[in-house]
C-alpha atoms as a PDB file:
ATOM      1  CA  MET A   1       0.000   0.000   0.000  1.00  0.00           C
ATOM      2  CA  THR A   2       1.306   3.449  -0.892  1.00  0.00           C
ATOM      3  CA  GLN A   3       1.393   5.830   2.077  1.00  0.00           C
ATOM      4  CA  SER A   4      -0.181   9.244   1.417  1.00  0.00           C
ATOM      5  CA  VAL A   5       1.725  12.088   3.035  1.00  0.00           C
ATOM      6  CA  PHE A   6       0.929  15.791   3.160  1.00  0.00           C
ATOM      7  CA  ARG A   7       4.010  17.925   3.906  1.00  0.00           C
ATOM      8  CA  GLN A   8       4.300  21.603   4.687  1.00  0.00           C
ATOM      9  CA  GLY A   9       7.581  22.855   6.074  1.00  0.00           C
ATOM     10  CA  SER A  10       8.448  20.952   9.229  1.00  0.00           C
ATOM     11  CA  VAL A  11       4.991  19.334   9.459  1.00  0.00           C
ATOM     12  CA  CYS A  12       4.068  15.968   7.949  1.00  0.00           C
ATOM     13  CA  VAL A  13       0.600  14.438   8.026  1.00  0.00           C
ATOM     14  CA  TYR A  14       0.499  10.734   7.195  1.00  0.00           C
ATOM     15  CA  LEU A  15      -2.982  10.033   5.946  1.00  0.00           C
ATOM     16  CA  GLY A  16      -4.774   6.958   7.176  1.00  0.00           C
ATOM     17  CA  GLU A  17      -7.413   5.004   5.331  1.00  0.00           C
ATOM     18  CA  LYS A  18     -10.843   6.610   4.844  1.00  0.00           C
ATOM     19  CA  SER A  19      -9.388  10.110   5.371  1.00  0.00           C
ATOM     20  CA  GLY A  20      -8.214   9.097   8.818  1.00  0.00           C
ATOM     21  CA  LYS A  21     -11.547   7.952  10.180  1.00  0.00           C
ATOM     22  CA  TYR A  22     -11.613   5.399  12.998  1.00  0.00           C
ATOM     23  CA  PRO A  23      -9.813   3.139  13.413  1.00  0.00           C
ATOM     24  CA  ASP A  24      -6.834   4.215  11.259  1.00  0.00           C
ATOM     25  CA  GLY A  25      -6.381   7.911  12.068  1.00  0.00           C
ATOM     26  CA  ASN A  26      -3.947  10.451  10.619  1.00  0.00           C
ATOM     27  CA  GLN A  27      -0.459  10.908  12.060  1.00  0.00           C
ATOM     28  CA  VAL A  28       0.904  14.423  12.515  1.00  0.00           C
ATOM     29  CA  ILE A  29       4.661  14.750  13.020  1.00  0.00           C
ATOM     30  CA  VAL A  30       6.457  18.067  13.526  1.00  0.00           C
ATOM     31  CA  ARG A  31      10.241  18.045  13.168  1.00  0.00           C
ATOM     32  CA  GLY A  32      12.103  20.835  14.927  1.00  0.00           C
ATOM     33  CA  SER A  33      15.817  21.537  14.978  1.00  0.00           C
ATOM     34  CA  GLN A  34      16.287  19.584  18.220  1.00  0.00           C
ATOM     35  CA  ALA A  35      13.220  17.352  18.569  1.00  0.00           C
ATOM     36  CA  CYS A  36      10.602  15.450  16.628  1.00  0.00           C
ATOM     37  CA  VAL A  37       7.045  15.575  18.018  1.00  0.00           C
ATOM     38  CA  ALA A  38       4.104  13.290  17.204  1.00  0.00           C
ATOM     39  CA  PHE A  39       0.544  14.232  17.990  1.00  0.00           C
ATOM     40  CA  ASP A  40      -1.183  11.014  19.002  1.00  0.00           C
ATOM     41  CA  THR A  41      -0.024   7.654  17.654  1.00  0.00           C
ATOM     42  CA  PRO A  42      -2.875   6.190  15.563  1.00  0.00           C
ATOM     43  CA  LEU A  43      -2.817   2.902  13.656  1.00  0.00           C
ATOM     44  CA  VAL A  44      -1.372   4.595  10.581  1.00  0.00           C
ATOM     45  CA  ALA A  45       1.805   5.217  12.649  1.00  0.00           C
ATOM     46  CA  ASN A  46       2.536   1.496  12.351  1.00  0.00           C
ATOM     47  CA  ARG A  47       3.057   1.908   8.584  1.00  0.00           C
ATOM     48  CA  ILE A  48       5.294   4.993   8.607  1.00  0.00           C
ATOM     49  CA  GLY A  49       8.616   3.421   9.530  1.00  0.00           C
ATOM     50  CA  ARG A  50      11.824   5.232  10.412  1.00  0.00           C
ATOM     51  CA  GLU A  51      10.456   8.789  10.537  1.00  0.00           C
ATOM     52  CA  PHE A  52       7.908   7.805  13.161  1.00  0.00           C
ATOM     53  CA  GLU A  53      10.334   5.651  15.122  1.00  0.00           C
ATOM     54  CA  GLN A  54      12.632   8.685  15.553  1.00  0.00           C
ATOM     55  CA  VAL A  55       9.969  10.640  17.481  1.00  0.00           C
ATOM     56  CA  ASP A  56      11.298  12.186  20.729  1.00  0.00           C
ATOM     57  CA  LEU A  57       8.005  13.394  22.161  1.00  0.00           C
ATOM     58  CA  VAL A  58       4.397  12.238  21.879  1.00  0.00           C
ATOM     59  CA  ILE A  59       1.485  14.460  22.870  1.00  0.00           C
ATOM     60  CA  LEU A  60      -1.742  12.510  23.273  1.00  0.00           C
ATOM     61  CA  GLY A  61      -4.893  14.556  22.719  1.00  0.00           C
ATOM     62  CA  HIS A  62      -6.679  11.983  24.846  1.00  0.00           C
ATOM     63  CA  VAL A  63      -6.181   8.362  25.829  1.00  0.00           C
ATOM     64  CA  HIS A  64      -8.179   5.901  23.727  1.00  0.00           C
ATOM     65  CA  GLU A  65      -6.973   2.857  21.791  1.00  0.00           C
ATOM     66  CA  ASP A  66      -6.963   4.674  18.451  1.00  0.00           C
ATOM     67  CA  HIS A  67      -4.680   7.429  19.807  1.00  0.00           C
ATOM     68  CA  MET A  68      -2.179   5.012  21.432  1.00  0.00           C
ATOM     69  CA  ALA A  69      -1.826   2.397  18.662  1.00  0.00           C
ATOM     70  CA  GLY A  70       1.743   3.377  17.741  1.00  0.00           C
ATOM     71  CA  LEU A  71       3.214   3.978  21.214  1.00  0.00           C
ATOM     72  CA  HIS A  72       4.879   0.557  21.181  1.00  0.00           C
ATOM     73  CA  LEU A  73       7.138   1.780  18.339  1.00  0.00           C
ATOM     74  CA  VAL A  74       8.582   4.702  20.320  1.00  0.00           C
ATOM     75  CA  PRO A  75       9.520   3.249  23.730  1.00  0.00           C
ATOM     76  CA  ARG A  76      12.091   5.971  24.445  1.00  0.00           C
ATOM     77  CA  ALA A  77       9.874   8.914  23.512  1.00  0.00           C
ATOM     78  CA  SER A  78       8.568  11.122  26.266  1.00  0.00           C
ATOM     79  CA  VAL A  79       4.767  10.924  26.375  1.00  0.00           C
ATOM     80  CA  HIS A  80       2.631  13.830  27.514  1.00  0.00           C
ATOM     81  CA  VAL A  81      -1.004  13.382  28.508  1.00  0.00           C
ATOM     82  CA  HIS A  82      -3.608  15.479  30.242  1.00  0.00           C
ATOM     83  CA  GLY A  83      -3.812  14.844  33.988  1.00  0.00           C
ATOM     84  CA  ALA A  84      -7.325  13.431  33.589  1.00  0.00           C
ATOM     85  CA  ASP A  85      -5.889  10.729  31.288  1.00  0.00           C
ATOM     86  CA  LEU A  86      -2.755   9.811  33.239  1.00  0.00           C
ATOM     87  CA  ALA A  87      -4.085   6.658  34.941  1.00  0.00           C
ATOM     88  CA  ALA A  88      -5.580   5.453  31.643  1.00  0.00           C
ATOM     89  CA  ALA A  89      -2.206   5.809  29.903  1.00  0.00           C
ATOM     90  CA  GLN A  90      -0.334   4.059  32.712  1.00  0.00           C
ATOM     91  CA  SER A  91      -2.282   0.816  33.162  1.00  0.00           C
ATOM     92  CA  TRP A  92      -5.085  -1.414  31.979  1.00  0.00           C
ATOM     93  CA  GLU A  93      -6.841  -0.844  35.315  1.00  0.00           C
ATOM     94  CA  GLY A  94      -6.740   2.908  34.708  1.00  0.00           C
ATOM     95  CA  LEU A  95      -7.967   2.518  31.129  1.00  0.00           C
ATOM     96  CA  LYS A  96     -10.859   0.290  32.302  1.00  0.00           C
ATOM     97  CA  ARG A  97     -11.943   2.999  34.749  1.00  0.00           C
ATOM     98  CA  HIS A  98     -11.529   5.608  32.011  1.00  0.00           C
ATOM     99  CA  TYR A  99     -13.808   3.702  29.597  1.00  0.00           C
ATOM    100  CA  GLY A 100     -16.357   2.898  32.319  1.00  0.00           C
ATOM    101  CA  TYR A 101     -17.879  -0.110  30.520  1.00  0.00           C
ATOM    102  CA  PRO A 102     -19.232  -3.226  32.290  1.00  0.00           C
ATOM    103  CA  PRO A 103     -16.644  -5.983  33.024  1.00  0.00           C
ATOM    104  CA  SER A 104     -18.019  -8.292  30.319  1.00  0.00           C
ATOM    105  CA  VAL A 105     -17.447  -5.616  27.660  1.00  0.00           C
ATOM    106  CA  LEU A 106     -14.013  -4.688  29.009  1.00  0.00           C
ATOM    107  CA  GLU A 107     -12.542  -8.187  28.798  1.00  0.00           C
ATOM    108  CA  ALA A 108     -13.477  -8.517  25.124  1.00  0.00           C
ATOM    109  CA  MET A 109     -12.292  -4.975  24.547  1.00  0.00           C
ATOM    110  CA  LYS A 110      -8.893  -5.688  26.109  1.00  0.00           C
ATOM    111  CA  THR A 111      -8.313  -8.579  23.708  1.00  0.00           C
ATOM    112  CA  LEU A 112      -9.298  -6.385  20.768  1.00  0.00           C
ATOM    113  CA  ILE A 113      -7.159  -3.381  21.675  1.00  0.00           C
ATOM    114  CA  GLU A 114      -4.129  -5.565  22.426  1.00  0.00           C
ATOM    115  CA  SER A 115      -4.349  -7.421  19.127  1.00  0.00           C
ATOM    116  CA  ASP A 116      -5.670  -4.734  16.761  1.00  0.00           C
ATOM    117  CA  PHE A 117      -4.276  -1.564  18.398  1.00  0.00           C
ATOM    118  CA  HIS A 118      -0.975  -2.864  19.884  1.00  0.00           C
ATOM    119  CA  TYR A 119      -2.058  -1.588  23.305  1.00  0.00           C
ATOM    120  CA  CYS A 120       0.724  -1.303  25.835  1.00  0.00           C
ATOM    121  CA  PRO A 121       0.403   0.901  28.927  1.00  0.00           C
ATOM    122  CA  ARG A 122       3.069   3.554  29.353  1.00  0.00           C
ATOM    123  CA  ARG A 123       4.638   4.133  32.754  1.00  0.00           C
ATOM    124  CA  MET A 124       4.805   7.846  33.529  1.00  0.00           C
ATOM    125  CA  ARG A 125       5.433   9.541  36.828  1.00  0.00           C
ATOM    126  CA  SER A 126       3.234  12.548  36.198  1.00  0.00           C
ATOM    127  CA  ALA A 127       1.159  14.319  33.624  1.00  0.00           C
ATOM    128  CA  THR A 128       2.385  17.367  31.771  1.00  0.00           C
ATOM    129  CA  ARG A 129       0.604  20.566  32.576  1.00  0.00           C
ATOM    130  CA  MET A 130      -1.212  20.368  29.271  1.00  0.00           C
ATOM    131  CA  ALA A 131      -3.034  23.657  29.843  1.00  0.00           C
ATOM    132  CA  ARG A 132       0.367  25.316  29.371  1.00  0.00           C
ATOM    133  CA  LEU A 133       0.512  23.625  25.977  1.00  0.00           C
ATOM    134  CA  GLY A 134      -2.997  24.806  25.089  1.00  0.00           C
ATOM    135  CA  ILE A 135      -4.538  21.350  25.388  1.00  0.00           C
ATOM    136  CA  SER A 136      -7.551  20.305  27.424  1.00  0.00           C
ATOM    137  CA  ALA A 137      -8.676  16.705  27.893  1.00  0.00           C
ATOM    138  CA  GLY A 138     -10.011  15.374  24.611  1.00  0.00           C
ATOM    139  CA  ALA A 139      -8.571  18.094  22.364  1.00  0.00           C
ATOM    140  CA  CYS A 140      -7.394  16.941  18.955  1.00  0.00           C
ATOM    141  CA  ALA A 141      -7.733  19.792  16.505  1.00  0.00           C
ATOM    142  CA  CYS A 142      -5.335  22.612  17.296  1.00  0.00           C
ATOM    143  CA  VAL A 143      -2.162  22.292  19.321  1.00  0.00           C
ATOM    144  CA  PRO A 144       0.068  25.277  20.063  1.00  0.00           C
ATOM    145  CA  ILE A 145       3.378  23.979  21.399  1.00  0.00           C
ATOM    146  CA  THR A 146       6.732  25.120  22.595  1.00  0.00           C
ATOM    147  CA  CYS A 147       9.296  22.364  22.481  1.00  0.00           C
ATOM    148  CA  ARG A 148      13.015  21.955  22.010  1.00  0.00           C
ATOM    149  CA  GLY A 149      13.719  23.395  18.585  1.00  0.00           C
ATOM    150  CA  ILE A 150      10.097  24.277  17.832  1.00  0.00           C
ATOM    151  CA  ARG A 151       8.908  27.720  18.896  1.00  0.00           C
ATOM    152  CA  TRP A 152       5.169  28.162  19.164  1.00  0.00           C
ATOM    153  CA  ALA A 153       4.502  26.026  16.146  1.00  0.00           C
ATOM    154  CA  THR A 154       0.776  25.663  15.745  1.00  0.00           C
ATOM    155  CA  ALA A 155      -0.357  22.571  13.921  1.00  0.00           C
ATOM    156  CA  SER A 156      -3.975  22.640  12.883  1.00  0.00           C
ATOM    157  CA  TRP A 157      -5.503  20.141  10.557  1.00  0.00           C
ATOM    158  CA  TRP A 158      -8.976  19.618   9.271  1.00  0.00           C
ATOM    159  CA  TRP A 159     -10.627  17.658   6.513  1.00  0.00           C
ATOM    160  CA  LYS A 160     -13.224  19.422   4.399  1.00  0.00           C
ATOM    161  CA  THR A 161     -16.311  17.521   3.350  1.00  0.00           C
ATOM    162  CA  SER A 162     -15.226  17.869  -0.264  1.00  0.00           C
ATOM    163  CA  GLY A 163     -12.301  15.578   0.510  1.00  0.00           C
ATOM    164  CA  SER A 164      -9.676  18.249  -0.019  1.00  0.00           C
ATOM    165  CA  ARG A 165      -7.092  18.515   2.726  1.00  0.00           C
ATOM    166  CA  SER A 166      -5.883  21.643   4.456  1.00  0.00           C
ATOM    167  CA  LEU A 167      -3.017  22.088   6.853  1.00  0.00           C
ATOM    168  CA  ALA A 168      -2.172  25.373   8.535  1.00  0.00           C
ATOM    169  CA  THR A 169       1.063  25.982  10.365  1.00  0.00           C
ATOM    170  CA  SER A 170       2.695  29.052  11.781  1.00  0.00           C
ATOM    171  CA  THR A 171       5.877  29.590  13.752  1.00  0.00           C
END
């Protein structure tokens, strides 16, 4: 399968199947002079290869299986999550509480997310103060960041109903 990529300056968007709709997603990677940042790690991240595996920092908009599906490929990357999502990112017990489904649903779900989404909890000592980064729990659309080598880069992406793609960045 040929991977579709939209590039603009230091920003790359790897397009998943069906315009990034669940479960595949779209992978946004911003490469600065000193760091490479990924926003979420959807299933499409598993098909990117070396560029994704060199990510230094992952910012998760929120913790669900479709946003964590590529974390297993970047074990050394620092992962930043909202405080409300910390327990869900750290353990299956935390993710079960986060989802809030009945036990019978959760056991089947665990099997599915481990096999289809490469689920692996990520040990973290604390959550980043995501409000400082302009992120609230569940945000996915616009992320202003300050990171090593990237100064207030704003990555915004949206998909128009016509199917055309737009990406706006500013530094």
